[in-house]
Amino acid sequence: MKRDRFGERGYWDMRRTGPVGFDLDMTLIDSRPAIMAAWRAVAEETGAHIDLAEVDLRMGIKLEDEVTYWFPAAERERAADCYRRHYIALAPALTTLLAGAAEALAAVRQAGEEAVIVTAKHAVSVGPSLGAVGLTPDRLFTHVHGAEKAEVLARLGAAAYVGDTPSDMDAAARAAVLAVGVPTGSFDASQLARAGADIVLSSLLEFPSWYAGLRAGPQALGGAGA
C-alpha cells in the first residue's frame, strides 16, 4: 500500500466511489496467443524479422508504436493493417477470459458503479476480443495509452484503474486514482509496485473482496478513523 500520494491513512483517503477502469489485454483477457499468432503471420507475409519475445515485453502499447520497432516509416501503416487483419481473424478462437475477470466487473456493478474498459487496443480489434469471451463493459474507451488513459480516467472521475503494466500504474497515478496491479501479463508484482501500484492483487480472483473492503473503508477493518 502506498502512502506517499494519499496521506497518512494511505489509499483510504482517496475516493472510494465512482467508475472502475480496467485495462483489457492480459488484465481481463488472455490475448497473448492471438497477438503472437498475428505477429507471426505478419512476419511470414511481409518477410520482416519480428522478435516475439521483444514484442511480449512491450505488450500493452499501441500497435502503431510497436510497428515502429520492425518497419521503416513508409511501411508502418501497411504493417499495422496487416496485423489487424490477421488478429481479427485469429482472436475469436485464441482469446480466453482471465480468472476472475467476469466476477470483477460484476462486483463493480453490484456496488452500483460502472465497469469501464480503457485500452490501447483499436476499436476494430476490441470487438472480436470481447465477443470471444462474452464480456460487455458499461463503457469502452479504445486506442488510448499512457497519458491518454489518465485523461479518460480523470474525466470519468474514476475510483481506480486495474491493469497489468507499469504504464497502467503510471496512468492511474497521473489521474490521481487508485492504481491496482495484476501480474497476469508480462510484468511481475515487484515491477508493478515499483511503477507505482497502490495494491497488487495476485489475480482478479482477489478483486471482489478487495473492492468490497475499499468501499467499506477503514472502519470495516478496524483501521484508522474507525
Protein backbone atom coordinates (compact mmCIF):
# COMPACT_ATOMS: atom_id res chain seq x y z
CA MET A 1 0.00 0.00 0.00
CA LYS A 2 1.38 3.40 -0.98
CA ARG A 3 1.00 6.23 1.49
CA ASP A 4 3.08 8.98 -0.09
CA ARG A 5 0.36 10.04 -2.56
CA PHE A 6 -2.62 9.61 -0.28
CA GLY A 7 -1.61 10.83 3.13
CA GLU A 8 -1.20 9.15 6.48
CA ARG A 9 -4.04 6.66 6.05
CA GLY A 10 -2.94 5.50 2.62
CA TYR A 11 -5.45 4.89 -0.09
CA TRP A 12 -8.40 5.17 2.30
CA ASP A 13 -8.08 8.92 1.75
CA MET A 14 -8.89 8.51 -1.95
CA ARG A 15 -12.38 8.40 -3.39
CA ARG A 16 -13.99 5.01 -2.99
CA THR A 17 -16.97 5.68 -5.25
CA GLY A 18 -17.05 6.20 -9.00
CA PRO A 19 -16.42 4.05 -12.07
CA VAL A 20 -13.67 1.46 -12.04
CA GLY A 21 -11.48 1.28 -15.13
CA PHE A 22 -9.95 -1.93 -16.41
CA ASP A 23 -7.26 -2.50 -18.99
CA LEU A 24 -8.16 -5.23 -21.49
CA ASP A 25 -5.19 -7.27 -22.80
CA MET A 26 -3.73 -9.53 -20.10
CA THR A 27 -5.87 -7.85 -17.44
CA LEU A 28 -9.34 -9.09 -18.37
CA ILE A 29 -8.47 -11.35 -21.30
CA ASP A 30 -5.60 -13.61 -22.26
CA SER A 31 -4.99 -12.28 -25.74
CA ARG A 32 -1.32 -13.27 -25.88
CA PRO A 33 -1.88 -16.36 -28.12
CA ALA A 34 -3.82 -14.29 -30.66
CA ILE A 35 -1.34 -11.40 -30.53
CA MET A 36 1.67 -13.66 -31.02
CA ALA A 37 -0.03 -15.61 -33.81
CA ALA A 38 -0.93 -12.36 -35.57
CA TRP A 39 2.66 -11.13 -35.37
CA ARG A 40 3.94 -14.45 -36.72
CA ALA A 41 1.53 -14.09 -39.63
CA VAL A 42 2.76 -10.53 -40.25
CA ALA A 43 6.37 -11.74 -40.30
CA GLU A 44 5.52 -14.50 -42.75
CA GLU A 45 3.53 -12.22 -45.03
CA THR A 46 5.96 -9.30 -45.08
CA GLY A 47 9.28 -11.12 -44.65
CA ALA A 48 10.18 -8.86 -41.73
CA HIS A 49 12.16 -10.19 -38.76
CA ILE A 50 9.98 -9.76 -35.66
CA ASP A 51 11.25 -10.91 -32.27
CA LEU A 52 8.13 -12.11 -30.47
CA ALA A 53 9.85 -12.14 -27.07
CA GLU A 54 10.59 -8.45 -27.51
CA VAL A 55 7.02 -7.77 -28.58
CA ASP A 56 5.83 -9.51 -25.44
CA LEU A 57 7.93 -7.25 -23.22
CA ARG A 58 6.14 -4.20 -24.64
CA MET A 59 2.65 -5.68 -24.66
CA GLY A 60 0.13 -3.00 -23.82
CA ILE A 61 1.41 -0.24 -26.09
CA LYS A 62 -0.44 0.84 -29.21
CA LEU A 63 0.07 -1.22 -32.35
CA GLU A 64 1.19 1.93 -34.16
CA ASP A 65 4.03 2.26 -31.66
CA GLU A 66 5.04 -1.42 -31.85
CA VAL A 67 5.37 -1.43 -35.64
CA THR A 68 8.00 1.32 -35.40
CA TYR A 69 10.40 -1.27 -33.98
CA TRP A 70 10.12 -3.54 -37.04
CA PHE A 71 9.24 -1.48 -40.10
CA PRO A 72 10.52 1.70 -41.77
CA ALA A 73 8.18 4.67 -41.74
CA ALA A 74 6.85 4.11 -45.26
CA GLU A 75 5.73 0.56 -44.41
CA ARG A 76 4.23 1.04 -40.96
CA GLU A 77 0.64 1.78 -41.91
CA ARG A 78 0.51 -1.26 -44.18
CA ALA A 79 2.09 -3.42 -41.46
CA ALA A 80 -0.49 -2.25 -38.89
CA ASP A 81 -3.32 -3.03 -41.32
CA CYS A 82 -1.79 -6.46 -41.95
CA TYR A 83 -1.58 -7.19 -38.23
CA ARG A 84 -5.17 -6.16 -37.57
CA ARG A 85 -6.45 -8.26 -40.46
CA HIS A 86 -4.77 -11.35 -39.00
CA TYR A 87 -5.68 -10.52 -35.41
CA ILE A 88 -9.37 -10.08 -36.15
CA ALA A 89 -9.40 -13.49 -37.82
CA LEU A 90 -7.46 -15.19 -35.02
CA ALA A 91 -8.93 -13.57 -31.91
CA PRO A 92 -12.24 -15.47 -31.73
CA ALA A 93 -10.52 -18.86 -31.41
CA LEU A 94 -7.43 -17.81 -29.44
CA THR A 95 -8.78 -15.42 -26.79
CA THR A 96 -9.79 -16.59 -23.32
CA LEU A 97 -11.10 -14.91 -20.20
CA LEU A 98 -8.62 -14.46 -17.37
CA ALA A 99 -9.58 -15.87 -13.99
CA GLY A 100 -11.82 -13.54 -12.02
CA ALA A 101 -12.47 -11.10 -14.85
CA ALA A 102 -16.23 -11.57 -15.05
CA GLU A 103 -16.50 -11.55 -11.27
CA ALA A 104 -14.50 -8.30 -11.04
CA LEU A 105 -16.82 -6.49 -13.43
CA ALA A 106 -19.83 -7.94 -11.62
CA ALA A 107 -18.52 -6.73 -8.24
CA VAL A 108 -18.28 -3.17 -9.54
CA ARG A 109 -21.80 -3.29 -10.97
CA GLN A 110 -23.23 -4.82 -7.82
CA ALA A 111 -21.85 -1.80 -5.95
CA GLY A 112 -23.84 0.45 -8.29
CA GLU A 113 -20.80 1.66 -10.25
CA GLU A 114 -19.76 1.42 -13.89
CA ALA A 115 -17.20 -1.13 -15.03
CA VAL A 116 -15.27 0.64 -17.79
CA ILE A 117 -12.65 -0.75 -20.18
CA VAL A 118 -9.86 1.68 -21.09
CA THR A 119 -7.47 0.10 -23.58
CA ALA A 120 -4.77 0.86 -26.13
CA LYS A 121 -6.40 -1.66 -28.45
CA HIS A 122 -8.06 -0.27 -31.57
CA ALA A 123 -11.85 -0.49 -31.70
CA VAL A 124 -11.78 -2.89 -34.67
CA SER A 125 -9.76 -5.39 -32.60
CA VAL A 126 -11.69 -4.94 -29.37
CA GLY A 127 -14.96 -6.28 -30.77
CA PRO A 128 -13.68 -9.76 -31.68
CA SER A 129 -11.74 -9.93 -28.40
CA LEU A 130 -14.73 -9.16 -26.20
CA GLY A 131 -17.05 -11.28 -28.32
CA ALA A 132 -14.76 -14.26 -27.85
CA VAL A 133 -15.18 -14.17 -24.07
CA GLY A 134 -18.66 -12.68 -23.72
CA LEU A 135 -17.63 -9.54 -21.85
CA THR A 136 -19.62 -6.30 -22.17
CA PRO A 137 -18.34 -3.20 -20.34
CA ASP A 138 -20.62 -0.39 -19.27
CA ARG A 139 -18.42 1.98 -21.23
CA LEU A 140 -15.50 1.42 -23.55
CA PHE A 141 -12.58 3.69 -24.44
CA THR A 142 -10.22 2.40 -27.12
CA HIS A 143 -6.89 3.36 -28.67
CA VAL A 144 -5.63 5.26 -25.62
CA HIS A 145 -2.34 4.68 -23.82
CA GLY A 146 -0.28 6.31 -21.09
CA ALA A 147 -1.30 9.93 -20.53
CA GLU A 148 -4.34 9.37 -22.77
CA LYS A 149 -5.62 6.74 -20.35
CA ALA A 150 -5.03 9.15 -17.47
CA GLU A 151 -7.13 11.79 -19.23
CA VAL A 152 -10.00 9.34 -19.66
CA LEU A 153 -9.83 8.21 -16.02
CA ALA A 154 -9.76 11.79 -14.74
CA ARG A 155 -12.69 12.76 -16.94
CA LEU A 156 -14.70 9.78 -15.66
CA GLY A 157 -13.98 10.59 -12.04
CA ALA A 158 -12.82 7.00 -11.65
CA ALA A 159 -12.13 5.46 -8.28
CA ALA A 160 -9.49 3.03 -9.55
CA TYR A 161 -7.77 1.66 -12.61
CA VAL A 162 -6.81 -2.00 -12.86
CA GLY A 163 -4.02 -3.03 -15.20
CA ASP A 164 -1.08 -5.33 -15.80
CA THR A 165 1.66 -2.95 -16.99
CA PRO A 166 3.82 -0.21 -15.46
CA SER A 167 2.28 2.28 -17.88
CA ASP A 168 -1.16 1.39 -16.48
CA MET A 169 0.07 2.18 -12.98
CA ASP A 170 1.51 5.47 -14.21
CA ALA A 171 -1.78 6.37 -15.94
CA ALA A 172 -3.65 5.81 -12.68
CA ALA A 173 -1.16 7.93 -10.77
CA ARG A 174 -1.43 10.75 -13.31
CA ALA A 175 -5.21 10.66 -12.94
CA ALA A 176 -4.95 10.58 -9.11
CA VAL A 177 -6.92 7.34 -8.90
CA LEU A 178 -6.02 4.08 -7.20
CA ALA A 179 -3.54 2.04 -9.21
CA VAL A 180 -4.42 -1.65 -8.93
CA GLY A 181 -1.91 -4.03 -10.45
CA VAL A 182 -2.41 -7.63 -11.55
CA PRO A 183 0.72 -9.59 -12.56
CA THR A 184 -1.11 -11.59 -15.22
CA GLY A 185 0.76 -10.09 -18.17
CA SER A 186 4.44 -9.52 -18.88
CA PHE A 187 5.28 -7.80 -15.57
CA ASP A 188 5.57 -9.28 -12.10
CA ALA A 189 4.28 -7.88 -8.82
CA SER A 190 7.55 -6.16 -7.90
CA GLN A 191 7.71 -4.37 -11.25
CA LEU A 192 4.15 -3.13 -10.85
CA ALA A 193 4.85 -1.99 -7.29
CA ARG A 194 7.93 -0.08 -8.42
CA ALA A 195 5.85 1.54 -11.15
CA GLY A 196 3.50 2.97 -8.52
CA ALA A 197 0.83 0.33 -7.90
CA ASP A 198 -1.08 1.11 -4.70
CA ILE A 199 -2.08 -2.52 -4.38
CA VAL A 200 -1.06 -5.62 -6.36
CA LEU A 201 -3.53 -8.48 -6.47
CA SER A 202 -2.30 -11.92 -7.48
CA SER A 203 -5.19 -12.09 -9.95
CA LEU A 204 -8.66 -10.66 -10.44
CA LEU A 205 -9.98 -13.51 -8.30
CA GLU A 206 -8.95 -11.31 -5.36
CA PHE A 207 -10.68 -8.22 -6.72
CA PRO A 208 -14.24 -8.64 -5.33
CA SER A 209 -13.14 -8.98 -1.70
CA TRP A 210 -10.56 -6.21 -2.03
CA TYR A 211 -13.09 -3.92 -3.68
CA ALA A 212 -15.70 -4.63 -1.02
CA GLY A 213 -13.15 -3.64 1.62
CA LEU A 214 -12.27 -0.47 -0.27
CA ARG A 215 -15.93 0.51 -0.50
CA ALA A 216 -16.46 -0.16 3.21
CA GLY A 217 -13.49 1.98 4.21
CA PRO A 218 -11.02 1.56 7.08
CA GLN A 219 -13.84 1.20 9.64
CA ALA A 220 -14.62 -2.24 8.25
CA LEU A 221 -11.07 -3.34 9.06
CA GLY A 222 -10.86 -1.55 12.39
CA GLY A 223 -8.27 0.80 10.91
CA ALA A 224 -7.57 4.48 11.40
CA GLY A 225 -10.71 6.54 11.73
CA ALA A 226 -12.79 3.59 12.92
